[in-house]
Amino acid sequence: MTKKTPAAQALHRDTLAVREAVERSQYGENSEALYLTSGYVQPSADASARRFAGEEDGYTYGRTGNPTVTSFEQRLAAMEGTEAAMATASGMAAIMLMCFSLLRSGDHVVFSQSMFGSTIKLIGTEFARFGVESTIVAQSDTDAWRAAVRPGTKLLFAETPTNPLTEVCDIAALADIAHGAGALLCVDNCFATPALQRPVLLGADIVMHSGTKFLDGQGRVMAGALCAPEAMVREKFLPVQKNAGMVLSPFNAWVVLKGLETLSLRMNAQSTATLALAQWLEQHPAVGRVYYPGLASHPQHELAMRQMGGVGGAVLSFEVKAADAAQARARAFHVLDALQVLSLCTNLGDTKTLLTHPASTSHGKLAEAQRQAAGIGQGLIRVAVGLEHLDDLKADLARGLDTLS
């Protein structure tokens, strides 16, 4: 865990993406060092005692800190505009850490029915076993969020845009609702990333990331993070992480740290291609609907453009036309099985374009009623657009779409 340096305040986030890190070692390395160690030699017994007591800064053990991990935390916090960040082993570990740190039996959470399937299961099912109550609301219905708040509400948790339907919520409005109730607002910023959207500028208290996605950008490692005020990170998150061990490995931190250096370039290039692909899909006779915030047809298009700097991101979903659920599933599978260039893969945020069938993968463990409530039909295909040439993207999707019968 670390807070951003004062110098970071004056720099553009694209500069922070390549410059913000811990100080160079005595060797003067230009590329940030990878520190592979589980323990640290202490300068003296007295210094060791102070460090373990938290009275002096210094590394003591791999579960409580590492210089490479600190560099990743410092850089991401600076890009998001928060005082501090805490890295975790995955995005779901970040959510687990947040909930364990901030909630207790009897507390109440409000979150969207359109959130990632594992998030719904974790909060709605697993934490329910420990007495944490929750209410699921429609993603874009601000009044529903407001109506769901109770005296015991401690957290509002939003994902915007959502996975896979790219629904958008009004971050500023949700922040007002949360703060009016004495609660916190956490925003999952995985799809937009700080290159396009900084939730804290709109009032969010916590920004959650799965660094496995766009922050890494090449599908190499798993990582997660929580960006928040320094006091929250130090007093709430750090004690739980020390005891629970939800730590990010130094190697994975180093990989994602380097991924951040090209984040803006990738997000802009991939978003441009995604908009063009979405427009093409809207015109295809085999496609019933396209979900993408950059399209004027998206229900929250104007809100998305305000919150995301006029860019729609690099993920879209589309539905194939079908008469019923069984035919929709068969047609979606046909499109996916016809791919020759693009990848059938459940991850996203890669330089390679990845496609998946949410109803049988990311949302496959949800009850059918939950899937229907979230709008996840059997004909839905999610496309996380990479850096291939646009003509090749269209051609590979056309192999399946043009041969549907």
Protein backbone atom coordinates (compact mmCIF):
# COMPACT_ATOMS: atom_id res chain seq x y z
CA MET A 1 0.00 0.00 0.00
CA THR A 2 1.21 3.46 -0.77
CA LYS A 3 -0.03 6.95 -1.31
CA LYS A 4 0.84 8.95 -4.42
CA THR A 5 3.67 11.45 -4.22
CA PRO A 6 3.01 15.22 -4.17
CA ALA A 7 4.71 15.61 -7.55
CA ALA A 8 2.01 13.44 -9.09
CA GLN A 9 -0.58 16.13 -8.48
CA ALA A 10 0.75 18.33 -11.30
CA LEU A 11 1.28 15.69 -13.99
CA HIS A 12 -1.07 14.45 -16.70
CA ARG A 13 -2.23 10.87 -16.23
CA ASP A 14 -0.45 9.77 -19.43
CA THR A 15 2.81 10.98 -17.85
CA LEU A 16 1.96 9.35 -14.55
CA ALA A 17 1.40 6.08 -16.44
CA VAL A 18 5.08 5.93 -17.37
CA ARG A 19 6.74 7.87 -14.54
CA GLU A 20 5.02 7.32 -11.19
CA ALA A 21 6.82 4.62 -9.16
CA VAL A 22 9.10 4.15 -6.18
CA GLU A 23 12.52 5.80 -6.33
CA ARG A 24 15.22 4.12 -8.37
CA SER A 25 17.68 1.94 -6.53
CA GLN A 26 21.36 2.79 -6.22
CA TYR A 27 21.86 1.16 -9.63
CA GLY A 28 19.83 3.82 -11.46
CA GLU A 29 17.59 1.48 -13.45
CA ASN A 30 15.33 3.23 -15.96
CA SER A 31 12.74 0.45 -16.14
CA GLU A 32 11.24 -0.26 -12.73
CA ALA A 33 12.93 -3.12 -10.91
CA LEU A 34 11.31 -6.46 -10.18
CA TYR A 35 11.95 -7.38 -6.54
CA LEU A 36 11.51 -11.11 -6.09
CA THR A 37 11.83 -11.65 -2.35
CA SER A 38 9.59 -12.89 0.43
CA GLY A 39 11.57 -11.29 3.27
CA TYR A 40 13.72 -8.23 3.96
CA VAL A 41 16.93 -7.90 5.99
CA GLN A 42 16.43 -5.29 8.72
CA PRO A 43 19.05 -2.64 9.53
CA SER A 44 18.74 -3.19 13.29
CA ALA A 45 16.56 -4.91 15.86
CA ASP A 46 15.15 -1.55 16.94
CA ALA A 47 14.26 -0.56 13.36
CA SER A 48 12.72 -3.99 12.82
CA ALA A 49 10.53 -3.56 15.89
CA ARG A 50 9.35 -0.13 14.76
CA ARG A 51 8.57 -1.36 11.26
CA PHE A 52 6.58 -4.35 12.48
CA ALA A 53 4.71 -2.06 14.85
CA GLY A 54 3.86 0.30 12.00
CA GLU A 55 5.78 3.16 13.56
CA GLU A 56 8.31 3.43 10.74
CA ASP A 57 8.05 2.90 6.99
CA GLY A 58 9.98 -0.05 5.69
CA TYR A 59 9.43 -3.47 4.18
CA THR A 60 9.26 -6.45 6.52
CA TYR A 61 7.61 -9.41 4.80
CA GLY A 62 6.16 -10.16 1.38
CA ARG A 63 2.61 -10.36 2.70
CA THR A 64 2.75 -6.77 3.96
CA GLY A 65 4.58 -5.03 1.14
CA ASN A 66 7.02 -5.17 -1.75
CA PRO A 67 8.70 -2.33 -3.72
CA THR A 68 7.41 -3.57 -7.08
CA VAL A 69 3.88 -3.89 -5.73
CA THR A 70 4.24 -0.41 -4.22
CA SER A 71 5.15 0.98 -7.64
CA PHE A 72 2.01 -0.49 -9.16
CA GLU A 73 -0.15 0.85 -6.32
CA GLN A 74 1.45 4.26 -6.48
CA ARG A 75 1.04 4.52 -10.25
CA LEU A 76 -2.58 3.34 -10.33
CA ALA A 77 -3.59 5.64 -7.46
CA ALA A 78 -2.03 8.60 -9.25
CA MET A 79 -3.84 7.76 -12.48
CA GLU A 80 -7.20 7.33 -10.72
CA GLY A 81 -6.70 10.48 -8.67
CA THR A 82 -6.93 8.81 -5.26
CA GLU A 83 -4.62 9.23 -2.29
CA ALA A 84 -3.66 5.57 -2.12
CA ALA A 85 -4.22 2.11 -3.54
CA MET A 86 -3.93 -1.48 -2.37
CA ALA A 87 -3.07 -4.28 -4.77
CA THR A 88 -4.63 -7.73 -4.52
CA ALA A 89 -4.23 -11.11 -6.17
CA SER A 90 -7.27 -10.61 -8.45
CA GLY A 91 -10.26 -8.38 -9.00
CA MET A 92 -12.48 -10.70 -6.98
CA ALA A 93 -9.90 -10.65 -4.18
CA ALA A 94 -10.20 -6.86 -4.19
CA ILE A 95 -13.97 -7.10 -3.72
CA MET A 96 -13.50 -9.69 -0.99
CA LEU A 97 -10.99 -7.44 0.77
CA MET A 98 -13.30 -4.43 0.55
CA CYS A 99 -16.28 -6.32 1.95
CA PHE A 100 -14.33 -7.97 4.77
CA SER A 101 -12.80 -4.61 5.69
CA LEU A 102 -15.94 -2.47 5.63
CA LEU A 103 -18.91 -4.72 6.40
CA ARG A 104 -20.19 -6.70 9.34
CA SER A 105 -23.28 -8.77 10.14
CA GLY A 106 -26.42 -6.70 9.77
CA ASP A 107 -24.92 -4.25 7.28
CA HIS A 108 -26.64 -3.70 3.96
CA VAL A 109 -25.24 -3.37 0.42
CA VAL A 110 -27.01 -2.09 -2.70
CA PHE A 111 -25.66 -3.24 -6.05
CA SER A 112 -26.74 -3.65 -9.65
CA GLN A 113 -28.37 -6.74 -11.13
CA SER A 114 -26.15 -6.19 -14.17
CA MET A 115 -22.85 -6.65 -12.35
CA PHE A 116 -20.35 -9.41 -13.08
CA GLY A 117 -21.80 -12.80 -12.18
CA SER A 118 -19.13 -13.65 -9.61
CA THR A 119 -19.69 -10.30 -7.87
CA ILE A 120 -23.39 -11.06 -7.55
CA LYS A 121 -22.65 -14.50 -6.12
CA LEU A 122 -19.98 -13.25 -3.72
CA ILE A 123 -22.05 -10.47 -2.15
CA GLY A 124 -25.53 -11.89 -2.58
CA THR A 125 -24.75 -15.47 -1.58
CA GLU A 126 -21.40 -15.89 0.17
CA PHE A 127 -21.49 -12.77 2.35
CA ALA A 128 -25.16 -13.43 3.09
CA ARG A 129 -23.99 -16.48 5.06
CA PHE A 130 -22.27 -14.06 7.44
CA GLY A 131 -25.27 -11.80 7.90
CA VAL A 132 -24.54 -9.15 5.27
CA GLU A 133 -27.79 -8.19 3.58
CA SER A 134 -28.07 -6.91 0.03
CA THR A 135 -30.55 -5.47 -2.43
CA ILE A 136 -30.17 -5.83 -6.18
CA VAL A 137 -31.45 -2.97 -8.32
CA ALA A 138 -31.68 -2.05 -11.99
CA GLN A 139 -28.39 -0.59 -13.13
CA SER A 140 -29.60 2.62 -14.74
CA ASP A 141 -32.61 3.33 -12.47
CA THR A 142 -31.34 5.98 -10.06
CA ASP A 143 -34.67 6.05 -8.24
CA ALA A 144 -34.37 2.31 -7.58
CA TRP A 145 -30.95 2.83 -5.99
CA ARG A 146 -32.39 5.59 -3.80
CA ALA A 147 -35.40 3.50 -2.77
CA ALA A 148 -33.21 0.54 -1.83
CA VAL A 149 -31.22 2.47 0.78
CA ARG A 150 -31.94 1.58 4.42
CA PRO A 151 -30.66 2.85 7.77
CA GLY A 152 -28.15 -0.01 7.75
CA THR A 153 -26.87 0.60 4.23
CA LYS A 154 -23.09 0.91 4.31
CA LEU A 155 -22.11 0.46 0.67
CA LEU A 156 -23.39 1.12 -2.84
CA PHE A 157 -21.42 -0.88 -5.42
CA ALA A 158 -21.70 -0.04 -9.11
CA GLU A 159 -19.99 -1.32 -12.24
CA THR A 160 -20.06 1.07 -15.17
CA PRO A 161 -20.15 0.13 -17.97
CA THR A 162 -21.37 -3.33 -16.95
CA ASN A 163 -20.33 -6.75 -18.14
CA PRO A 164 -21.59 -7.74 -20.69
CA LEU A 165 -24.44 -5.37 -21.62
CA THR A 166 -22.40 -2.17 -21.16
CA GLU A 167 -25.11 -0.51 -19.08
CA VAL A 168 -24.08 2.81 -17.55
CA CYS A 169 -25.05 4.33 -14.21
CA ASP A 170 -24.87 7.96 -13.11
CA ILE A 171 -21.85 7.96 -10.80
CA ALA A 172 -22.43 11.46 -9.43
CA ALA A 173 -26.07 10.69 -8.64
CA LEU A 174 -25.17 7.45 -6.86
CA ALA A 175 -22.46 9.26 -4.89
CA ASP A 176 -25.06 11.76 -3.68
CA ILE A 177 -27.41 8.94 -2.66
CA ALA A 178 -24.66 7.07 -0.82
CA HIS A 179 -23.30 10.08 1.01
CA GLY A 180 -26.78 11.26 1.95
CA ALA A 181 -27.27 7.92 3.68
CA GLY A 182 -23.87 7.93 5.35
CA ALA A 183 -22.69 5.13 3.05
CA LEU A 184 -19.79 4.69 0.65
CA LEU A 185 -19.85 4.35 -3.13
CA CYS A 186 -17.47 1.91 -4.83
CA VAL A 187 -17.20 1.88 -8.62
CA ASP A 188 -15.81 -1.03 -10.61
CA ASN A 189 -13.85 0.81 -13.30
CA CYS A 190 -12.54 -2.23 -15.19
CA PHE A 191 -14.23 -1.51 -18.52
CA ALA A 192 -13.41 2.20 -18.72
CA THR A 193 -10.10 2.33 -16.78
CA PRO A 194 -8.62 5.66 -15.66
CA ALA A 195 -7.70 6.32 -19.29
CA LEU A 196 -11.37 7.07 -19.99
CA GLN A 197 -13.10 7.55 -16.63
CA ARG A 198 -12.06 8.60 -13.12
CA PRO A 199 -14.96 7.87 -10.74
CA VAL A 200 -13.51 9.80 -7.77
CA LEU A 201 -13.87 13.02 -9.76
CA LEU A 202 -17.59 12.26 -9.86
CA GLY A 203 -17.85 11.54 -6.14
CA ALA A 204 -16.97 7.85 -5.74
CA ASP A 205 -15.13 6.88 -2.55
CA ILE A 206 -13.49 3.67 -3.78
CA VAL A 207 -12.45 2.53 -7.26
CA MET A 208 -12.08 -1.20 -7.78
CA HIS A 209 -10.06 -2.85 -10.56
CA SER A 210 -9.43 -6.23 -12.02
CA GLY A 211 -5.92 -5.56 -13.30
CA THR A 212 -6.23 -8.83 -15.21
CA LYS A 213 -8.13 -6.91 -17.85
CA PHE A 214 -7.10 -3.66 -19.57
CA LEU A 215 -4.53 -2.60 -16.96
CA ASP A 216 -2.32 -5.54 -17.96
CA GLY A 217 -3.65 -5.39 -21.50
CA GLN A 218 -2.12 -8.58 -22.86
CA GLY A 219 -3.82 -11.37 -20.92
CA ARG A 220 -0.69 -12.40 -19.05
CA VAL A 221 -1.41 -12.28 -15.30
CA MET A 222 -4.12 -11.83 -12.70
CA ALA A 223 -4.25 -8.75 -10.48
CA GLY A 224 -6.67 -6.53 -8.60
CA ALA A 225 -6.69 -3.25 -6.71
CA LEU A 226 -8.70 -0.88 -4.56
CA CYS A 227 -8.04 2.85 -4.94
CA ALA A 228 -9.25 4.92 -1.99
CA PRO A 229 -8.36 7.57 0.61
CA GLU A 230 -5.11 6.86 2.44
CA ALA A 231 -6.81 6.50 5.84
CA MET A 232 -9.19 3.87 4.49
CA VAL A 233 -6.41 1.90 2.85
CA ARG A 234 -4.14 2.05 5.88
CA GLU A 235 -6.71 1.61 8.64
CA LYS A 236 -9.30 -0.66 6.98
CA PHE A 237 -7.79 -2.57 4.07
CA LEU A 238 -4.21 -3.12 5.24
CA PRO A 239 -4.99 -4.96 8.53
CA VAL A 240 -7.31 -7.39 6.74
CA GLN A 241 -4.86 -7.99 3.92
CA LYS A 242 -2.04 -8.70 6.38
CA ASN A 243 -4.11 -11.38 8.07
CA ALA A 244 -5.91 -12.79 5.03
CA GLY A 245 -3.01 -12.73 2.56
CA MET A 246 -4.88 -11.48 -0.53
CA VAL A 247 -1.61 -10.11 -1.88
CA LEU A 248 -0.43 -9.50 -5.42
CA SER A 249 2.78 -11.26 -6.41
CA PRO A 250 5.73 -8.98 -7.31
CA PHE A 251 5.99 -10.48 -10.79
CA ASN A 252 2.32 -9.90 -11.56
CA ALA A 253 2.60 -6.37 -10.15
CA TRP A 254 5.57 -5.68 -12.43
CA VAL A 255 3.71 -6.97 -15.50
CA VAL A 256 0.66 -4.78 -14.82
CA LEU A 257 2.88 -1.83 -13.90
CA LYS A 258 4.41 -1.98 -17.36
CA GLY A 259 0.96 -2.49 -18.90
CA LEU A 260 -0.16 0.83 -17.44
CA GLU A 261 2.45 2.60 -19.57
CA THR A 262 0.50 1.89 -22.76
CA LEU A 263 -3.02 1.98 -21.27
CA SER A 264 -4.17 5.23 -22.88
CA LEU A 265 -2.77 4.31 -26.29
CA ARG A 266 -4.45 0.92 -26.22
CA MET A 267 -7.78 2.15 -24.88
CA ASN A 268 -8.06 4.86 -27.50
CA ALA A 269 -7.10 2.59 -30.40
CA GLN A 270 -9.30 -0.29 -29.25
CA SER A 271 -12.24 2.02 -28.52
CA THR A 272 -12.04 3.50 -32.02
CA ALA A 273 -12.14 0.02 -33.56
CA THR A 274 -14.97 -1.05 -31.25
CA LEU A 275 -17.19 1.84 -32.33
CA ALA A 276 -16.62 1.01 -35.99
CA LEU A 277 -17.34 -2.68 -35.37
CA ALA A 278 -20.49 -1.84 -33.39
CA GLN A 279 -21.75 0.33 -36.24
CA TRP A 280 -21.10 -2.50 -38.72
CA LEU A 281 -22.87 -5.05 -36.51
CA GLU A 282 -25.91 -2.79 -36.19
CA GLN A 283 -26.35 -3.02 -39.95
CA HIS A 284 -25.92 -6.80 -40.21
CA PRO A 285 -29.20 -8.59 -40.98
CA ALA A 286 -28.43 -11.48 -38.59
CA VAL A 287 -27.92 -9.18 -35.59
CA GLY A 288 -30.91 -8.19 -33.50
CA ARG A 289 -29.31 -5.66 -31.18
CA VAL A 290 -25.90 -4.21 -30.34
CA TYR A 291 -24.95 -2.99 -26.86
CA TYR A 292 -22.22 -0.35 -26.86
CA PRO A 293 -22.13 3.03 -25.04
CA GLY A 294 -20.53 4.75 -28.03
CA LEU A 295 -23.60 4.15 -30.19
CA ALA A 296 -26.33 6.76 -30.30
CA SER A 297 -28.81 3.88 -29.91
CA HIS A 298 -27.44 3.03 -26.44
CA PRO A 299 -29.97 4.05 -23.74
CA GLN A 300 -27.32 5.85 -21.67
CA HIS A 301 -25.24 7.14 -24.57
CA GLU A 302 -25.18 10.79 -23.51
CA LEU A 303 -24.39 9.94 -19.88
CA ALA A 304 -21.63 7.56 -20.98
CA MET A 305 -20.06 10.19 -23.20
CA ARG A 306 -20.00 12.67 -20.31
CA GLN A 307 -18.52 10.23 -17.84
CA MET A 308 -16.08 8.53 -20.23
CA GLY A 309 -14.63 11.52 -22.04
CA GLY A 310 -16.59 10.99 -25.23
CA VAL A 311 -15.24 7.44 -25.76
CA GLY A 312 -17.27 4.23 -25.50
CA GLY A 313 -14.61 1.76 -24.43
CA ALA A 314 -13.41 -1.47 -26.01
CA VAL A 315 -16.17 -3.96 -25.19
CA LEU A 316 -19.48 -4.53 -26.97
CA SER A 317 -22.13 -7.22 -26.96
CA PHE A 318 -24.63 -8.22 -29.60
CA GLU A 319 -27.60 -10.55 -29.93
CA VAL A 320 -28.16 -12.83 -32.90
CA LYS A 321 -31.72 -12.95 -34.21
CA ALA A 322 -33.61 -16.08 -33.23
CA ALA A 323 -37.14 -17.38 -32.69
CA ASP A 324 -36.56 -18.79 -29.20
CA ALA A 325 -33.86 -19.41 -26.57
CA ALA A 326 -32.78 -22.78 -27.97
CA GLN A 327 -32.31 -21.38 -31.46
CA ALA A 328 -30.56 -18.33 -30.06
CA ARG A 329 -28.02 -20.50 -28.25
CA ALA A 330 -27.41 -22.63 -31.33
CA ARG A 331 -26.95 -19.56 -33.53
CA ALA A 332 -24.58 -17.90 -31.06
CA PHE A 333 -22.52 -21.09 -30.85
CA HIS A 334 -22.40 -21.24 -34.66
CA VAL A 335 -20.93 -17.74 -34.85
CA LEU A 336 -18.34 -18.55 -32.20
CA ASP A 337 -17.38 -21.90 -33.70
CA ALA A 338 -16.90 -20.30 -37.13
CA LEU A 339 -14.08 -18.05 -35.88
CA GLN A 340 -10.71 -18.60 -37.52
CA VAL A 341 -8.75 -15.55 -36.36
CA LEU A 342 -10.37 -14.20 -33.22
CA SER A 343 -10.31 -16.05 -29.91
CA LEU A 344 -13.09 -17.79 -28.01
CA CYS A 345 -11.97 -16.78 -24.53
CA THR A 346 -13.73 -15.50 -21.40
CA ASN A 347 -11.14 -12.84 -20.53
CA LEU A 348 -11.20 -9.27 -21.86
CA GLY A 349 -8.86 -6.30 -22.16
CA ASP A 350 -6.32 -8.16 -24.31
CA THR A 351 -4.53 -6.95 -27.44
CA LYS A 352 -6.20 -9.96 -29.06
CA THR A 353 -9.95 -9.78 -29.70
CA LEU A 354 -11.79 -12.18 -27.40
CA LEU A 355 -15.36 -13.42 -27.73
CA THR A 356 -17.49 -15.28 -25.22
CA HIS A 357 -21.03 -16.52 -24.63
CA PRO A 358 -21.99 -14.98 -21.26
CA ALA A 359 -25.04 -17.15 -20.60
CA SER A 360 -22.89 -20.30 -20.50
CA THR A 361 -19.69 -18.82 -19.03
CA SER A 362 -19.43 -15.70 -16.85
CA HIS A 363 -23.13 -15.81 -15.94
CA GLY A 364 -23.57 -19.56 -16.31
CA LYS A 365 -23.86 -20.24 -12.58
CA LEU A 366 -26.68 -17.77 -12.06
CA ALA A 367 -30.25 -18.98 -11.87
CA GLU A 368 -32.22 -18.52 -15.07
CA ALA A 369 -34.36 -15.87 -13.36
CA GLN A 370 -31.23 -13.94 -12.42
CA ARG A 371 -29.91 -14.16 -15.98
CA GLN A 372 -33.20 -12.95 -17.39
CA ALA A 373 -33.33 -10.08 -14.89
CA ALA A 374 -29.83 -9.10 -15.96
CA GLY A 375 -30.78 -9.32 -19.65
CA ILE A 376 -28.36 -12.14 -20.43
CA GLY A 377 -30.03 -14.07 -23.23
CA GLN A 378 -28.84 -17.25 -24.96
CA GLY A 379 -28.17 -15.35 -28.19
CA LEU A 380 -25.84 -12.80 -26.59
CA ILE A 381 -22.16 -12.67 -27.60
CA ARG A 382 -19.64 -10.38 -25.93
CA VAL A 383 -16.74 -9.02 -27.96
CA ALA A 384 -13.70 -7.50 -26.25
CA VAL A 385 -11.96 -5.81 -29.16
CA GLY A 386 -8.19 -6.00 -29.48
CA LEU A 387 -5.68 -4.47 -31.86
CA GLU A 388 -6.24 -6.52 -35.02
CA HIS A 389 -7.14 -4.69 -38.22
CA LEU A 390 -10.81 -3.75 -38.39
CA ASP A 391 -11.30 -5.50 -41.75
CA ASP A 392 -10.10 -8.77 -40.24
CA LEU A 393 -12.47 -8.38 -37.28
CA LYS A 394 -15.42 -7.94 -39.60
CA ALA A 395 -14.39 -10.78 -41.89
CA ASP A 396 -14.03 -13.28 -39.07
CA LEU A 397 -17.39 -12.40 -37.53
CA ALA A 398 -18.99 -12.52 -40.98
CA ARG A 399 -17.94 -16.17 -41.39
CA GLY A 400 -20.54 -17.12 -38.83
CA LEU A 401 -23.09 -14.34 -39.18
CA ASP A 402 -23.34 -14.67 -42.96
CA THR A 403 -23.93 -18.44 -42.75
CA LEU A 404 -26.68 -18.53 -40.12
CA SER A 405 -29.66 -20.55 -41.30
